[in-house]
Amino acid sequence: MESGPAIFAGAVFTLFGGGILAWTVVRVRQGEPVAHGVNRVASATLSSVAGSGALALGMWCFTRV
């Protein structure tokens, strides 16, 4: 009965993390800042860490199914 929420949460975290990482890759390849008004390297690093963390959390949720 508890596997439904774990699957939903895992899917949400995985999609969010993948979206953040995809956005970061596209912006860095275009030479654009990831966030306006922030250092380019710092914003790319922070968003990469956040995206990787969300992917890891999503994978952890999937192991709880």
N, C-alpha and C. Protein backbone atom coordinates (compact mmCIF):
# COMPACT_ATOMS: atom_id res chain seq x y z
N MET A 1 0.81 -1.20 0.00
CA MET A 1 0.00 0.00 0.00
C MET A 1 0.86 1.26 0.00
N GLU A 2 2.06 1.19 0.56
CA GLU A 2 2.91 2.37 0.64
C GLU A 2 3.78 2.55 -0.60
N SER A 3 3.72 1.63 -1.54
CA SER A 3 4.58 1.75 -2.71
C SER A 3 4.10 2.85 -3.67
N GLY A 4 2.81 3.16 -3.67
CA GLY A 4 2.29 4.20 -4.55
C GLY A 4 2.90 5.56 -4.30
N PRO A 5 2.90 6.06 -3.05
CA PRO A 5 3.54 7.34 -2.79
C PRO A 5 5.04 7.34 -3.05
N ALA A 6 5.71 6.21 -2.80
CA ALA A 6 7.15 6.14 -3.06
C ALA A 6 7.43 6.24 -4.56
N ILE A 7 6.60 5.59 -5.37
CA ILE A 7 6.78 5.66 -6.81
C ILE A 7 6.52 7.08 -7.31
N PHE A 8 5.47 7.71 -6.80
CA PHE A 8 5.15 9.09 -7.20
C PHE A 8 6.27 10.04 -6.82
N ALA A 9 6.73 9.96 -5.57
CA ALA A 9 7.79 10.85 -5.11
C ALA A 9 9.08 10.60 -5.90
N GLY A 10 9.40 9.33 -6.16
CA GLY A 10 10.59 9.03 -6.95
C GLY A 10 10.51 9.59 -8.35
N ALA A 11 9.34 9.49 -8.96
CA ALA A 11 9.16 10.04 -10.31
C ALA A 11 9.29 11.56 -10.31
N VAL A 12 8.71 12.21 -9.32
CA VAL A 12 8.79 13.67 -9.24
C VAL A 12 10.23 14.14 -9.06
N PHE A 13 10.94 13.53 -8.11
CA PHE A 13 12.32 13.92 -7.86
C PHE A 13 13.20 13.64 -9.07
N THR A 14 12.99 12.50 -9.73
CA THR A 14 13.80 12.14 -10.88
C THR A 14 13.55 13.09 -12.05
N LEU A 15 12.30 13.41 -12.32
CA LEU A 15 12.00 14.34 -13.40
C LEU A 15 12.53 15.74 -13.10
N PHE A 16 12.40 16.19 -11.86
CA PHE A 16 12.90 17.50 -11.48
C PHE A 16 14.42 17.55 -11.62
N GLY A 17 15.11 16.54 -11.10
CA GLY A 17 16.56 16.51 -11.19
C GLY A 17 17.05 16.45 -12.63
N GLY A 18 16.39 15.64 -13.44
CA GLY A 18 16.75 15.56 -14.85
C GLY A 18 16.51 16.87 -15.58
N GLY A 19 15.42 17.54 -15.25
CA GLY A 19 15.12 18.83 -15.87
C GLY A 19 16.14 19.90 -15.49
N ILE A 20 16.51 19.93 -14.23
CA ILE A 20 17.51 20.90 -13.77
C ILE A 20 18.85 20.65 -14.45
N LEU A 21 19.25 19.38 -14.52
CA LEU A 21 20.53 19.06 -15.17
C LEU A 21 20.49 19.36 -16.67
N ALA A 22 19.38 19.08 -17.32
CA ALA A 22 19.26 19.39 -18.75
C ALA A 22 19.32 20.90 -18.98
N TRP A 23 18.63 21.67 -18.16
CA TRP A 23 18.66 23.13 -18.26
C TRP A 23 20.08 23.65 -18.07
N THR A 24 20.79 23.10 -17.11
CA THR A 24 22.15 23.54 -16.84
C THR A 24 23.06 23.24 -18.03
N VAL A 25 22.95 22.05 -18.58
CA VAL A 25 23.80 21.68 -19.72
C VAL A 25 23.53 22.58 -20.92
N VAL A 26 22.27 22.85 -21.21
CA VAL A 26 21.93 23.69 -22.36
C VAL A 26 22.46 25.11 -22.16
N ARG A 27 22.27 25.66 -20.98
CA ARG A 27 22.71 27.04 -20.72
C ARG A 27 24.24 27.16 -20.74
N VAL A 28 24.93 26.16 -20.21
CA VAL A 28 26.40 26.22 -20.20
C VAL A 28 26.94 26.07 -21.62
N ARG A 29 26.36 25.18 -22.41
CA ARG A 29 26.83 25.00 -23.79
C ARG A 29 26.59 26.23 -24.64
N GLN A 30 25.52 26.98 -24.35
CA GLN A 30 25.25 28.20 -25.09
C GLN A 30 26.07 29.38 -24.58
N GLY A 31 26.75 29.20 -23.47
CA GLY A 31 27.55 30.28 -22.89
C GLY A 31 26.73 31.29 -22.13
N GLU A 32 25.51 30.92 -21.79
CA GLU A 32 24.61 31.81 -21.05
C GLU A 32 24.68 31.49 -19.56
N PRO A 33 24.38 32.46 -18.71
CA PRO A 33 24.34 32.16 -17.27
C PRO A 33 23.13 31.29 -16.93
N VAL A 34 23.30 30.43 -15.96
CA VAL A 34 22.21 29.57 -15.54
C VAL A 34 21.19 30.38 -14.75
N ALA A 35 21.67 31.32 -13.94
CA ALA A 35 20.80 32.21 -13.17
C ALA A 35 21.26 33.64 -13.40
N HIS A 36 20.34 34.55 -13.59
CA HIS A 36 20.69 35.94 -13.85
C HIS A 36 21.20 36.61 -12.59
N GLY A 37 22.26 37.38 -12.75
CA GLY A 37 22.81 38.15 -11.64
C GLY A 37 23.72 37.35 -10.72
N VAL A 38 24.08 36.13 -11.12
CA VAL A 38 24.93 35.27 -10.30
C VAL A 38 26.13 34.87 -11.14
N ASN A 39 27.25 34.65 -10.48
CA ASN A 39 28.45 34.19 -11.17
C ASN A 39 28.13 32.93 -11.98
N ARG A 40 28.64 32.87 -13.20
CA ARG A 40 28.32 31.77 -14.11
C ARG A 40 28.76 30.42 -13.56
N VAL A 41 29.97 30.36 -13.01
CA VAL A 41 30.49 29.10 -12.48
C VAL A 41 29.73 28.68 -11.23
N ALA A 42 29.46 29.64 -10.35
CA ALA A 42 28.75 29.31 -9.12
C ALA A 42 27.33 28.82 -9.39
N SER A 43 26.64 29.46 -10.32
CA SER A 43 25.26 29.04 -10.61
C SER A 43 25.23 27.67 -11.29
N ALA A 44 26.19 27.40 -12.17
CA ALA A 44 26.23 26.09 -12.82
C ALA A 44 26.57 25.00 -11.81
N THR A 45 27.48 25.30 -10.90
CA THR A 45 27.85 24.32 -9.88
C THR A 45 26.69 24.03 -8.94
N LEU A 46 26.05 25.07 -8.45
CA LEU A 46 24.94 24.90 -7.51
C LEU A 46 23.77 24.15 -8.16
N SER A 47 23.45 24.49 -9.39
CA SER A 47 22.33 23.80 -10.04
C SER A 47 22.69 22.35 -10.36
N SER A 48 23.94 22.07 -10.67
CA SER A 48 24.37 20.69 -10.90
C SER A 48 24.27 19.86 -9.63
N VAL A 49 24.67 20.46 -8.51
CA VAL A 49 24.58 19.76 -7.23
C VAL A 49 23.11 19.51 -6.86
N ALA A 50 22.27 20.51 -7.07
CA ALA A 50 20.85 20.36 -6.75
C ALA A 50 20.19 19.31 -7.65
N GLY A 51 20.51 19.31 -8.93
CA GLY A 51 19.95 18.32 -9.84
C GLY A 51 20.42 16.91 -9.52
N SER A 52 21.70 16.77 -9.20
CA SER A 52 22.23 15.45 -8.83
C SER A 52 21.62 14.96 -7.53
N GLY A 53 21.43 15.88 -6.59
CA GLY A 53 20.80 15.51 -5.33
C GLY A 53 19.37 15.06 -5.52
N ALA A 54 18.64 15.74 -6.38
CA ALA A 54 17.26 15.35 -6.65
C ALA A 54 17.21 13.99 -7.34
N LEU A 55 18.13 13.74 -8.26
CA LEU A 55 18.18 12.42 -8.90
C LEU A 55 18.50 11.33 -7.89
N ALA A 56 19.45 11.60 -7.00
CA ALA A 56 19.80 10.62 -5.97
C ALA A 56 18.62 10.36 -5.04
N LEU A 57 17.91 11.41 -4.67
CA LEU A 57 16.74 11.25 -3.81
C LEU A 57 15.65 10.46 -4.51
N GLY A 58 15.47 10.70 -5.80
CA GLY A 58 14.50 9.93 -6.57
C GLY A 58 14.86 8.46 -6.64
N MET A 59 16.13 8.17 -6.85
CA MET A 59 16.57 6.77 -6.88
C MET A 59 16.39 6.11 -5.51
N TRP A 60 16.63 6.87 -4.45
CA TRP A 60 16.43 6.34 -3.10
C TRP A 60 14.95 6.01 -2.88
N CYS A 61 14.07 6.87 -3.36
CA CYS A 61 12.63 6.60 -3.24
C CYS A 61 12.24 5.34 -3.98
N PHE A 62 12.84 5.11 -5.15
CA PHE A 62 12.52 3.91 -5.92
C PHE A 62 13.02 2.64 -5.21
N THR A 63 14.05 2.75 -4.40
CA THR A 63 14.50 1.56 -3.67
C THR A 63 13.58 1.22 -2.52
N ARG A 64 12.70 2.12 -2.12
CA ARG A 64 11.77 1.91 -1.03
C ARG A 64 10.47 1.28 -1.48
N VAL A 65 10.34 0.96 -2.74
CA VAL A 65 9.10 0.39 -3.28
C VAL A 65 8.96 -1.04 -2.84
